[in-house]
Amino acid sequence: MADFFRPEAKAALWRFRDVIVAGAVGALGVWLVFYGGGFLPWLGYIFLALAAVLLIAGLQRARFRQGNDGPGVVQITERRLAYFGPLNGGVMDLTDISMLAFDPGGHPAPHWVITGPENREIAIPTTARGAEALFDTFSALPGMRAEKLLSVLSGQPDQRVVIWSRPRHLLH
């Protein structure tokens, strides 16, 4: 039964899994609105609102996911980001991130370049295993807009683009 879906179809379904869940919640909400009795139609409206929120978040996550067949592994544990790759890697606390950039010229896939203390950089391929967790991590940076993050990914610029940088507070 595992060979029922082609690998490409399975990858597409897995990429849009949040959208599929939102559709199922919405379908349940529609069913409750039209066929539920008593207070169930009100519960159906709540499910429809929840489905709308899940759909928006799911579409953003689906746009962010680039695959997981690239080099290295990303782990995020208690506000600490770790990347273990075949050629480089590193660990950085989220509060230490000073700049986030996108480098489309990375090999074998474009890279997220995270800069920390003393201009130390961690380059994470967009296709690394676990890289989909970076969406929530990057969205948690102060002042980061998810749409800017997604537009850089879909636009595929020619050179490195700084997406976010921590404001610098000068003494004078």
N, C-alpha and C. Protein backbone atom coordinates (compact mmCIF):
# COMPACT_ATOMS: atom_id res chain seq x y z
N MET A 1 0.82 -1.19 0.00
CA MET A 1 0.00 0.00 0.00
C MET A 1 0.86 1.26 0.00
N ALA A 2 2.11 1.12 0.47
CA ALA A 2 3.00 2.28 0.53
C ALA A 2 3.37 2.78 -0.86
N ASP A 3 3.29 1.90 -1.86
CA ASP A 3 3.63 2.29 -3.22
C ASP A 3 2.43 2.79 -4.01
N PHE A 4 1.32 3.06 -3.34
CA PHE A 4 0.12 3.50 -4.02
C PHE A 4 0.30 4.87 -4.67
N PHE A 5 1.01 5.78 -3.98
CA PHE A 5 1.26 7.13 -4.50
C PHE A 5 2.66 7.21 -5.09
N ARG A 6 2.77 7.94 -6.18
CA ARG A 6 4.10 8.24 -6.72
C ARG A 6 4.83 9.12 -5.71
N PRO A 7 6.15 9.09 -5.68
CA PRO A 7 6.90 9.91 -4.73
C PRO A 7 6.62 11.41 -4.89
N GLU A 8 6.42 11.87 -6.14
CA GLU A 8 6.14 13.29 -6.36
C GLU A 8 4.78 13.68 -5.77
N ALA A 9 3.79 12.80 -5.95
CA ALA A 9 2.46 13.08 -5.40
C ALA A 9 2.48 13.05 -3.88
N LYS A 10 3.22 12.10 -3.33
CA LYS A 10 3.34 12.02 -1.88
C LYS A 10 4.03 13.27 -1.32
N ALA A 11 5.05 13.76 -2.02
CA ALA A 11 5.74 14.97 -1.58
C ALA A 11 4.83 16.19 -1.65
N ALA A 12 4.01 16.27 -2.69
CA ALA A 12 3.08 17.41 -2.81
C ALA A 12 2.03 17.36 -1.72
N LEU A 13 1.49 16.17 -1.45
CA LEU A 13 0.50 16.05 -0.37
C LEU A 13 1.13 16.40 0.98
N TRP A 14 2.36 15.98 1.19
CA TRP A 14 3.02 16.27 2.46
C TRP A 14 3.32 17.76 2.58
N ARG A 15 3.66 18.42 1.49
CA ARG A 15 3.95 19.86 1.51
C ARG A 15 2.70 20.65 1.87
N PHE A 16 1.54 20.22 1.37
CA PHE A 16 0.29 20.94 1.61
C PHE A 16 -0.55 20.28 2.70
N ARG A 17 0.07 19.58 3.62
CA ARG A 17 -0.68 18.86 4.65
C ARG A 17 -1.49 19.79 5.54
N ASP A 18 -0.98 20.98 5.85
CA ASP A 18 -1.74 21.91 6.69
C ASP A 18 -2.98 22.42 5.97
N VAL A 19 -2.87 22.62 4.66
CA VAL A 19 -4.01 23.07 3.87
C VAL A 19 -5.07 21.96 3.81
N ILE A 20 -4.64 20.72 3.71
CA ILE A 20 -5.57 19.59 3.68
C ILE A 20 -6.31 19.48 5.01
N VAL A 21 -5.59 19.68 6.12
CA VAL A 21 -6.24 19.66 7.43
C VAL A 21 -7.25 20.79 7.54
N ALA A 22 -6.90 21.98 7.04
CA ALA A 22 -7.83 23.11 7.06
C ALA A 22 -9.08 22.79 6.25
N GLY A 23 -8.93 22.13 5.13
CA GLY A 23 -10.08 21.73 4.32
C GLY A 23 -10.98 20.74 5.05
N ALA A 24 -10.37 19.81 5.77
CA ALA A 24 -11.16 18.83 6.53
C ALA A 24 -11.93 19.51 7.67
N VAL A 25 -11.27 20.44 8.37
CA VAL A 25 -11.95 21.18 9.43
C VAL A 25 -13.08 22.03 8.85
N GLY A 26 -12.84 22.65 7.70
CA GLY A 26 -13.88 23.44 7.03
C GLY A 26 -15.05 22.59 6.58
N ALA A 27 -14.75 21.40 6.06
CA ALA A 27 -15.83 20.50 5.63
C ALA A 27 -16.68 20.06 6.83
N LEU A 28 -16.03 19.79 7.95
CA LEU A 28 -16.77 19.44 9.16
C LEU A 28 -17.63 20.62 9.62
N GLY A 29 -17.08 21.83 9.52
CA GLY A 29 -17.84 23.02 9.88
C GLY A 29 -19.06 23.22 9.00
N VAL A 30 -18.90 23.03 7.70
CA VAL A 30 -20.03 23.16 6.77
C VAL A 30 -21.09 22.11 7.08
N TRP A 31 -20.65 20.88 7.35
CA TRP A 31 -21.60 19.82 7.67
C TRP A 31 -22.39 20.15 8.93
N LEU A 32 -21.68 20.68 9.96
CA LEU A 32 -22.37 21.03 11.21
C LEU A 32 -23.34 22.19 11.01
N VAL A 33 -22.98 23.16 10.16
CA VAL A 33 -23.87 24.30 9.91
C VAL A 33 -25.16 23.84 9.24
N PHE A 34 -25.06 22.98 8.26
CA PHE A 34 -26.24 22.60 7.49
C PHE A 34 -27.01 21.41 8.06
N TYR A 35 -26.33 20.50 8.74
CA TYR A 35 -26.99 19.29 9.19
C TYR A 35 -27.03 19.13 10.70
N GLY A 36 -26.38 20.02 11.43
CA GLY A 36 -26.38 19.93 12.89
C GLY A 36 -27.65 20.51 13.48
N GLY A 37 -28.03 20.02 14.61
CA GLY A 37 -29.21 20.55 15.27
C GLY A 37 -28.82 21.17 16.60
N GLY A 38 -29.69 21.98 17.14
CA GLY A 38 -29.43 22.61 18.44
C GLY A 38 -28.33 23.64 18.35
N PHE A 39 -27.29 23.46 19.16
CA PHE A 39 -26.17 24.41 19.15
C PHE A 39 -25.07 24.03 18.16
N LEU A 40 -25.19 22.91 17.50
CA LEU A 40 -24.15 22.44 16.57
C LEU A 40 -23.89 23.39 15.40
N PRO A 41 -24.90 24.09 14.84
CA PRO A 41 -24.55 25.06 13.79
C PRO A 41 -23.60 26.15 14.28
N TRP A 42 -23.75 26.57 15.53
CA TRP A 42 -22.81 27.58 16.06
C TRP A 42 -21.40 27.00 16.17
N LEU A 43 -21.33 25.75 16.58
CA LEU A 43 -20.03 25.08 16.61
C LEU A 43 -19.45 24.97 15.20
N GLY A 44 -20.32 24.77 14.21
CA GLY A 44 -19.88 24.73 12.81
C GLY A 44 -19.28 26.05 12.37
N TYR A 45 -19.88 27.17 12.79
CA TYR A 45 -19.31 28.49 12.45
C TYR A 45 -17.94 28.68 13.09
N ILE A 46 -17.78 28.18 14.30
CA ILE A 46 -16.47 28.25 14.95
C ILE A 46 -15.45 27.42 14.18
N PHE A 47 -15.88 26.24 13.73
CA PHE A 47 -14.98 25.39 12.93
C PHE A 47 -14.62 26.07 11.60
N LEU A 48 -15.58 26.77 11.00
CA LEU A 48 -15.29 27.48 9.74
C LEU A 48 -14.28 28.61 9.96
N ALA A 49 -14.41 29.34 11.07
CA ALA A 49 -13.44 30.39 11.38
C ALA A 49 -12.06 29.79 11.63
N LEU A 50 -12.02 28.69 12.36
CA LEU A 50 -10.75 28.00 12.61
C LEU A 50 -10.14 27.49 11.31
N ALA A 51 -10.97 26.99 10.42
CA ALA A 51 -10.48 26.51 9.12
C ALA A 51 -9.87 27.64 8.31
N ALA A 52 -10.47 28.83 8.37
CA ALA A 52 -9.92 29.98 7.64
C ALA A 52 -8.53 30.35 8.16
N VAL A 53 -8.37 30.35 9.47
CA VAL A 53 -7.07 30.66 10.07
C VAL A 53 -6.05 29.58 9.69
N LEU A 54 -6.46 28.32 9.81
CA LEU A 54 -5.56 27.22 9.44
C LEU A 54 -5.18 27.26 7.97
N LEU A 55 -6.11 27.66 7.12
CA LEU A 55 -5.84 27.74 5.68
C LEU A 55 -4.79 28.79 5.38
N ILE A 56 -4.92 29.96 5.98
CA ILE A 56 -3.93 31.03 5.75
C ILE A 56 -2.55 30.59 6.23
N ALA A 57 -2.49 30.06 7.45
CA ALA A 57 -1.21 29.60 7.98
C ALA A 57 -0.65 28.44 7.16
N GLY A 58 -1.52 27.53 6.72
CA GLY A 58 -1.07 26.39 5.94
C GLY A 58 -0.51 26.80 4.58
N LEU A 59 -1.15 27.78 3.95
CA LEU A 59 -0.63 28.25 2.66
C LEU A 59 0.73 28.91 2.83
N GLN A 60 0.91 29.66 3.91
CA GLN A 60 2.23 30.27 4.15
C GLN A 60 3.29 29.20 4.38
N ARG A 61 2.97 28.21 5.18
CA ARG A 61 3.93 27.14 5.44
C ARG A 61 4.24 26.35 4.17
N ALA A 62 3.23 26.11 3.35
CA ALA A 62 3.46 25.37 2.11
C ALA A 62 4.37 26.14 1.16
N ARG A 63 4.22 27.46 1.13
CA ARG A 63 5.10 28.28 0.29
C ARG A 63 6.53 28.27 0.82
N PHE A 64 6.69 28.12 2.14
CA PHE A 64 8.03 28.13 2.75
C PHE A 64 8.76 26.82 2.56
N ARG A 65 8.04 25.71 2.57
CA ARG A 65 8.69 24.39 2.46
C ARG A 65 9.29 24.21 1.07
N GLN A 66 10.55 23.84 1.04
CA GLN A 66 11.25 23.64 -0.22
C GLN A 66 11.68 22.19 -0.43
N GLY A 67 11.40 21.34 0.52
CA GLY A 67 11.83 19.94 0.44
C GLY A 67 12.71 19.62 1.62
N ASN A 68 13.06 18.36 1.77
CA ASN A 68 13.93 17.97 2.88
C ASN A 68 14.99 16.97 2.44
N ASP A 69 15.39 17.05 1.20
CA ASP A 69 16.39 16.12 0.69
C ASP A 69 17.77 16.77 0.57
N GLY A 70 17.94 17.95 1.14
CA GLY A 70 19.21 18.65 1.07
C GLY A 70 20.16 18.21 2.17
N PRO A 71 21.36 18.77 2.14
CA PRO A 71 22.36 18.37 3.13
C PRO A 71 22.08 18.97 4.51
N GLY A 72 22.33 18.19 5.53
CA GLY A 72 22.26 18.69 6.89
C GLY A 72 20.91 18.52 7.56
N VAL A 73 20.93 18.82 8.85
CA VAL A 73 19.75 18.69 9.70
C VAL A 73 19.61 19.95 10.54
N VAL A 74 18.38 20.47 10.62
CA VAL A 74 18.08 21.64 11.45
C VAL A 74 17.32 21.16 12.67
N GLN A 75 17.73 21.66 13.85
CA GLN A 75 17.01 21.37 15.09
C GLN A 75 16.77 22.67 15.81
N ILE A 76 15.57 22.84 16.35
CA ILE A 76 15.27 24.01 17.15
C ILE A 76 14.74 23.51 18.48
N THR A 77 15.45 23.84 19.54
CA THR A 77 15.10 23.39 20.87
C THR A 77 15.23 24.56 21.84
N GLU A 78 14.12 24.91 22.47
CA GLU A 78 14.10 25.94 23.51
C GLU A 78 14.81 27.21 23.07
N ARG A 79 14.35 27.76 21.95
CA ARG A 79 14.86 29.02 21.41
C ARG A 79 16.34 28.96 21.04
N ARG A 80 16.81 27.78 20.72
CA ARG A 80 18.18 27.60 20.24
C ARG A 80 18.13 26.86 18.92
N LEU A 81 18.76 27.46 17.91
CA LEU A 81 18.77 26.91 16.56
C LEU A 81 20.10 26.19 16.35
N ALA A 82 20.03 24.99 15.83
CA ALA A 82 21.23 24.22 15.54
C ALA A 82 21.14 23.67 14.13
N TYR A 83 22.24 23.79 13.39
CA TYR A 83 22.33 23.20 12.06
C TYR A 83 23.57 22.34 12.02
N PHE A 84 23.39 21.08 11.63
CA PHE A 84 24.49 20.14 11.51
C PHE A 84 24.58 19.73 10.05
N GLY A 85 25.61 20.21 9.37
CA GLY A 85 25.77 19.93 7.95
C GLY A 85 27.04 19.16 7.68
N PRO A 86 27.19 18.70 6.43
CA PRO A 86 28.38 17.93 6.09
C PRO A 86 29.65 18.78 6.02
N LEU A 87 29.51 20.06 5.70
CA LEU A 87 30.69 20.92 5.58
C LEU A 87 30.76 22.02 6.63
N ASN A 88 29.62 22.43 7.15
CA ASN A 88 29.60 23.47 8.17
C ASN A 88 28.41 23.25 9.08
N GLY A 89 28.26 24.11 10.04
CA GLY A 89 27.14 24.02 10.97
C GLY A 89 27.37 24.99 12.10
N GLY A 90 26.49 24.93 13.06
CA GLY A 90 26.63 25.79 14.20
C GLY A 90 25.37 25.82 15.04
N VAL A 91 25.50 26.45 16.19
CA VAL A 91 24.41 26.59 17.13
C VAL A 91 24.32 28.06 17.50
N MET A 92 23.08 28.59 17.56
CA MET A 92 22.91 29.99 17.91
C MET A 92 21.58 30.17 18.63
N ASP A 93 21.60 30.97 19.70
CA ASP A 93 20.36 31.33 20.38
C ASP A 93 19.60 32.32 19.52
N LEU A 94 18.28 32.25 19.59
CA LEU A 94 17.46 33.16 18.77
C LEU A 94 17.65 34.61 19.18
N THR A 95 17.94 34.84 20.44
CA THR A 95 18.15 36.22 20.89
C THR A 95 19.47 36.78 20.39
N ASP A 96 20.39 35.93 19.93
CA ASP A 96 21.69 36.38 19.42
C ASP A 96 21.67 36.67 17.92
N ILE A 97 20.59 36.33 17.23
CA ILE A 97 20.53 36.57 15.79
C ILE A 97 20.48 38.07 15.54
N SER A 98 21.42 38.55 14.74
CA SER A 98 21.45 39.98 14.43
C SER A 98 21.01 40.28 13.00
N MET A 99 21.09 39.27 12.12
CA MET A 99 20.69 39.50 10.74
C MET A 99 20.29 38.16 10.09
N LEU A 100 19.29 38.25 9.22
CA LEU A 100 18.84 37.11 8.43
C LEU A 100 18.89 37.51 6.97
N ALA A 101 19.54 36.68 6.17
CA ALA A 101 19.66 36.96 4.73
C ALA A 101 19.33 35.68 3.96
N PHE A 102 19.04 35.88 2.68
CA PHE A 102 18.76 34.78 1.76
C PHE A 102 19.80 34.82 0.66
N ASP A 103 20.53 33.71 0.48
CA ASP A 103 21.57 33.63 -0.54
C ASP A 103 21.14 32.62 -1.60
N PRO A 104 20.68 33.10 -2.76
CA PRO A 104 20.20 32.17 -3.79
C PRO A 104 21.33 31.41 -4.48
N GLY A 105 22.58 31.84 -4.30
CA GLY A 105 23.70 31.21 -4.98
C GLY A 105 24.31 30.06 -4.22
N GLY A 106 23.70 29.64 -3.13
CA GLY A 106 24.24 28.52 -2.36
C GLY A 106 24.16 27.22 -3.14
N HIS A 107 25.07 26.30 -2.81
CA HIS A 107 25.08 25.03 -3.52
C HIS A 107 24.83 23.92 -2.51
N PRO A 108 23.97 22.99 -2.71
CA PRO A 108 23.21 22.63 -3.89
C PRO A 108 21.85 23.35 -3.96
N ALA A 109 21.49 24.07 -2.92
CA ALA A 109 20.21 24.79 -2.90
C ALA A 109 20.46 26.17 -2.30
N PRO A 110 19.54 27.09 -2.49
CA PRO A 110 19.68 28.40 -1.83
C PRO A 110 19.80 28.23 -0.31
N HIS A 111 20.41 29.21 0.34
CA HIS A 111 20.68 29.13 1.77
C HIS A 111 20.03 30.29 2.52
N TRP A 112 19.64 30.00 3.75
CA TRP A 112 19.34 31.05 4.72
C TRP A 112 20.66 31.34 5.42
N VAL A 113 21.04 32.59 5.50
CA VAL A 113 22.29 32.96 6.17
C VAL A 113 21.92 33.72 7.43
N ILE A 114 22.26 33.14 8.57
CA ILE A 114 21.94 33.72 9.86
C ILE A 114 23.23 34.24 10.47
N THR A 115 23.23 35.52 10.82
CA THR A 115 24.41 36.16 11.39
C THR A 115 24.17 36.40 12.87
N GLY A 116 25.20 36.13 13.66
CA GLY A 116 25.10 36.28 15.10
C GLY A 116 26.22 37.11 15.66
N PRO A 117 26.59 36.85 16.92
CA PRO A 117 27.65 37.62 17.56
C PRO A 117 28.97 37.51 16.81
N GLU A 118 29.69 38.61 16.79
CA GLU A 118 31.00 38.69 16.13
C GLU A 118 30.92 38.31 14.66
N ASN A 119 29.79 38.60 14.02
CA ASN A 119 29.55 38.34 12.60
C ASN A 119 29.74 36.87 12.22
N ARG A 120 29.49 35.98 13.16
CA ARG A 120 29.55 34.55 12.88
C ARG A 120 28.31 34.18 12.07
N GLU A 121 28.49 33.44 10.98
CA GLU A 121 27.39 33.09 10.09
C GLU A 121 27.14 31.59 10.09
N ILE A 122 25.85 31.26 10.01
CA ILE A 122 25.43 29.88 9.80
C ILE A 122 24.62 29.88 8.51
N ALA A 123 25.06 29.12 7.52
CA ALA A 123 24.35 29.02 6.24
C ALA A 123 23.58 27.70 6.22
N ILE A 124 22.25 27.81 6.14
CA ILE A 124 21.38 26.63 6.19
C ILE A 124 20.68 26.48 4.84
N PRO A 125 20.87 25.37 4.15
CA PRO A 125 20.15 25.16 2.88
C PRO A 125 18.64 25.13 3.11
N THR A 126 17.89 25.67 2.17
CA THR A 126 16.43 25.68 2.30
C THR A 126 15.85 24.27 2.23
N THR A 127 16.62 23.33 1.74
CA THR A 127 16.14 21.95 1.62
C THR A 127 16.70 21.02 2.70
N ALA A 128 17.33 21.57 3.72
CA ALA A 128 17.86 20.72 4.80
C ALA A 128 16.71 20.05 5.55
N ARG A 129 16.99 18.90 6.10
CA ARG A 129 15.95 18.19 6.86
C ARG A 129 15.61 19.02 8.10
N GLY A 130 14.32 19.29 8.29
CA GLY A 130 13.86 20.08 9.43
C GLY A 130 13.83 21.58 9.18
N ALA A 131 14.15 22.01 7.95
CA ALA A 131 14.20 23.44 7.65
C ALA A 131 12.82 24.09 7.67
N GLU A 132 11.75 23.29 7.58
CA GLU A 132 10.41 23.89 7.63
C GLU A 132 10.13 24.50 9.00
N ALA A 133 10.83 24.09 10.04
CA ALA A 133 10.66 24.67 11.37
C ALA A 133 11.22 26.08 11.44
N LEU A 134 12.04 26.46 10.47
CA LEU A 134 12.61 27.81 10.47
C LEU A 134 11.55 28.88 10.23
N PHE A 135 10.43 28.52 9.61
CA PHE A 135 9.38 29.50 9.37
C PHE A 135 8.89 30.11 10.68
N ASP A 136 8.58 29.26 11.65
CA ASP A 136 8.13 29.76 12.95
C ASP A 136 9.25 30.51 13.66
N THR A 137 10.47 30.03 13.52
CA THR A 137 11.60 30.68 14.16
C THR A 137 11.83 32.07 13.59
N PHE A 138 11.82 32.18 12.27
CA PHE A 138 12.04 33.48 11.65
C PHE A 138 10.86 34.42 11.91
N SER A 139 9.66 33.88 11.94
CA SER A 139 8.48 34.71 12.20
C SER A 139 8.49 35.28 13.61
N ALA A 140 9.20 34.63 14.53
CA ALA A 140 9.27 35.10 15.92
C ALA A 140 10.27 36.24 16.10
N LEU A 141 11.07 36.53 15.10
CA LEU A 141 12.02 37.64 15.22
C LEU A 141 11.24 38.95 15.30
N PRO A 142 11.65 39.88 16.16
CA PRO A 142 10.88 41.12 16.34
C PRO A 142 10.82 41.94 15.05
N GLY A 143 9.61 42.25 14.63
CA GLY A 143 9.41 43.07 13.44
C GLY A 143 9.43 42.31 12.12
N MET A 144 9.60 40.99 12.17
CA MET A 144 9.65 40.19 10.94
C MET A 144 8.25 40.00 10.41
N ARG A 145 8.09 40.22 9.11
CA ARG A 145 6.82 39.98 8.44
C ARG A 145 6.96 38.71 7.60
N ALA A 146 6.04 37.80 7.79
CA ALA A 146 6.09 36.52 7.08
C ALA A 146 6.00 36.73 5.58
N GLU A 147 5.24 37.72 5.14
CA GLU A 147 5.08 37.94 3.70
C GLU A 147 6.39 38.36 3.04
N LYS A 148 7.22 39.12 3.75
CA LYS A 148 8.52 39.50 3.19
C LYS A 148 9.41 38.27 3.05
N LEU A 149 9.35 37.41 4.02
CA LEU A 149 10.12 36.17 3.98
C LEU A 149 9.70 35.30 2.80
N LEU A 150 8.40 35.18 2.59
CA LEU A 150 7.89 34.34 1.51
C LEU A 150 8.11 34.96 0.13
N SER A 151 8.05 36.29 0.05
CA SER A 151 8.26 36.93 -1.25
C SER A 151 9.70 36.77 -1.73
N VAL A 152 10.65 36.77 -0.81
CA VAL A 152 12.04 36.55 -1.20
C VAL A 152 12.23 35.13 -1.71
N LEU A 153 11.58 34.18 -1.05
CA LEU A 153 11.69 32.78 -1.48
C LEU A 153 11.09 32.57 -2.87
N SER A 154 9.94 33.16 -3.13
CA SER A 154 9.29 32.95 -4.41
C SER A 154 9.90 33.79 -5.52
N GLY A 155 10.55 34.91 -5.17
CA GLY A 155 11.13 35.78 -6.19
C GLY A 155 12.47 35.31 -6.73
N GLN A 156 13.19 34.50 -5.97
CA GLN A 156 14.52 34.02 -6.36
C GLN A 156 15.41 35.15 -6.88
N PRO A 157 15.91 36.01 -5.97
CA PRO A 157 16.78 37.12 -6.38
C PRO A 157 18.11 36.62 -6.94
N ASP A 158 18.87 37.55 -7.55
CA ASP A 158 20.16 37.20 -8.16
C ASP A 158 21.31 37.18 -7.16
N GLN A 159 21.18 37.93 -6.09
CA GLN A 159 22.27 38.03 -5.11
C GLN A 159 21.70 37.95 -3.70
N ARG A 160 22.60 37.96 -2.72
CA ARG A 160 22.18 37.86 -1.32
C ARG A 160 21.29 39.04 -0.95
N VAL A 161 20.19 38.72 -0.26
CA VAL A 161 19.22 39.74 0.15
C VAL A 161 19.07 39.69 1.66
N VAL A 162 19.22 40.84 2.31
CA VAL A 162 19.00 40.92 3.74
C VAL A 162 17.50 41.05 3.97
N ILE A 163 16.94 40.11 4.70
CA ILE A 163 15.50 40.08 4.96
C ILE A 163 15.16 40.79 6.25
N TRP A 164 16.01 40.61 7.26
CA TRP A 164 15.74 41.18 8.57
C TRP A 164 17.06 41.49 9.25
N SER A 165 17.10 42.57 9.99
CA SER A 165 18.26 42.85 10.84
C SER A 165 17.76 43.50 12.11
N ARG A 166 18.45 43.19 13.18
CA ARG A 166 18.08 43.74 14.48
C ARG A 166 18.47 45.22 14.50
N PRO A 167 17.58 46.07 14.99
CA PRO A 167 17.93 47.48 15.06
C PRO A 167 19.11 47.69 16.00
N ARG A 168 20.00 48.56 15.59
CA ARG A 168 21.18 48.87 16.40
C ARG A 168 20.92 50.14 17.19
N HIS A 169 21.13 50.03 18.46
CA HIS A 169 20.93 51.19 19.33
C HIS A 169 22.27 51.85 19.59
N LEU A 170 22.39 53.10 19.14
CA LEU A 170 23.63 53.85 19.31
C LEU A 170 23.59 54.62 20.62
N LEU A 171 24.73 54.77 21.22
CA LEU A 171 24.80 55.50 22.49
C LEU A 171 24.73 57.01 22.29
N HIS A 172 25.21 57.48 21.16
CA HIS A 172 25.21 58.95 20.92
C HIS A 172 24.41 59.27 19.71
